Amino acid sequence: MPPATGYDPIGAVQQGIVSLLNTNEPIFIDIGARLFASFAVILIAWYGIRWMFGGEHTGVRAFALTELLLVTVHRSGARRLTGIER
């Protein structure tokens, strides 16, 4: 409920945020895609290092790394690269 004075600070902040997101949407999408790719590289390196130094059975480690790679490729922009859209 807005105050009686006519100034709604929450509405002004919401309007400012929406305006910022609408104006700079491509930049935010690009930042998110780069951040996702960076985290994916870190996870793949982490699994590779664990696989190299781990003492588990080789099949278990290979399955975990393969599962990570498949999930990463599926969630990344691979659909855009292949032309497949939902």
Protein backbone atom coordinates (compact mmCIF):
# COMPACT_ATOMS: atom_id res chain seq x y z
CA MET A 1 0.00 0.00 0.00
CA PRO A 2 1.60 3.31 -1.05
CA PRO A 3 2.01 6.04 1.52
CA ALA A 4 -0.47 8.91 1.62
CA THR A 5 2.16 11.46 0.50
CA GLY A 6 2.18 10.10 -3.06
CA TYR A 7 5.81 8.94 -3.07
CA ASP A 8 6.28 5.18 -3.23
CA PRO A 9 9.97 4.33 -2.60
CA ILE A 10 9.49 0.59 -3.19
CA GLY A 11 7.73 1.20 -6.49
CA ALA A 12 10.46 3.62 -7.56
CA VAL A 13 13.16 1.05 -6.78
CA GLN A 14 11.24 -1.69 -8.61
CA GLN A 15 10.77 0.56 -11.63
CA GLY A 16 14.49 1.41 -11.62
CA ILE A 17 15.48 -2.25 -11.48
CA VAL A 18 13.12 -3.20 -14.32
CA SER A 19 14.41 -0.29 -16.39
CA LEU A 20 18.02 -1.33 -15.78
CA LEU A 21 17.32 -4.95 -16.70
CA ASN A 22 15.42 -4.01 -19.85
CA THR A 23 18.13 -1.62 -20.98
CA ASN A 24 21.11 -3.89 -20.31
CA GLU A 25 19.56 -7.33 -20.82
CA PRO A 26 22.12 -8.55 -23.42
CA ILE A 27 24.99 -7.60 -21.12
CA PHE A 28 23.50 -9.54 -18.19
CA ILE A 29 22.87 -12.58 -20.37
CA ASP A 30 26.47 -12.47 -21.63
CA ILE A 31 27.83 -12.16 -18.09
CA GLY A 32 25.71 -15.13 -16.98
CA ALA A 33 26.85 -17.29 -19.89
CA ARG A 34 30.50 -16.51 -19.23
CA LEU A 35 30.06 -17.18 -15.51
CA PHE A 36 28.43 -20.54 -16.25
CA ALA A 37 31.26 -21.50 -18.62
CA SER A 38 33.87 -20.50 -16.03
CA PHE A 39 32.24 -22.60 -13.32
CA ALA A 40 31.96 -25.52 -15.75
CA VAL A 41 35.70 -25.37 -16.48
CA ILE A 42 36.46 -25.28 -12.74
CA LEU A 43 34.24 -28.32 -12.10
CA ILE A 44 35.72 -30.29 -14.99
CA ALA A 45 39.25 -29.52 -13.78
CA TRP A 46 38.25 -30.49 -10.23
CA TYR A 47 36.87 -33.85 -11.35
CA GLY A 48 39.93 -34.45 -13.52
CA ILE A 49 42.30 -33.79 -10.62
CA ARG A 50 40.23 -35.99 -8.30
CA TRP A 51 40.28 -38.72 -10.94
CA MET A 52 44.05 -38.45 -11.32
CA PHE A 53 44.79 -38.60 -7.59
CA GLY A 54 41.76 -40.59 -6.39
CA GLY A 55 41.84 -44.11 -5.11
CA GLU A 56 38.37 -45.15 -6.27
CA HIS A 57 37.63 -47.72 -8.92
CA THR A 58 38.27 -46.34 -12.43
CA GLY A 59 34.72 -47.08 -13.63
CA VAL A 60 33.16 -44.98 -10.87
CA ARG A 61 35.40 -42.04 -11.62
CA ALA A 62 34.81 -42.26 -15.35
CA PHE A 63 31.04 -42.37 -14.82
CA ALA A 64 31.13 -39.28 -12.56
CA LEU A 65 33.21 -37.31 -15.06
CA THR A 66 31.03 -38.37 -17.99
CA GLU A 67 27.89 -37.42 -16.08
CA LEU A 68 29.34 -33.99 -15.29
CA LEU A 69 30.29 -33.40 -18.92
CA LEU A 70 26.85 -34.40 -20.19
CA VAL A 71 25.04 -32.18 -17.69
CA THR A 72 27.34 -29.26 -18.48
CA VAL A 73 26.85 -29.57 -22.24
CA HIS A 74 23.10 -29.95 -21.84
CA ARG A 75 22.74 -26.85 -19.66
CA SER A 76 25.10 -24.69 -21.68
CA GLY A 77 24.30 -22.99 -24.94
CA ALA A 78 24.78 -26.18 -26.94
CA ARG A 79 21.18 -25.92 -28.16
CA ARG A 80 21.98 -22.55 -29.70
CA LEU A 81 25.09 -23.92 -31.39
CA THR A 82 23.32 -26.89 -32.92
CA GLY A 83 20.21 -24.95 -33.90
CA ILE A 84 17.92 -27.02 -31.69
CA GLU A 85 15.43 -24.89 -29.80
CA ARG A 86 12.79 -25.91 -27.29
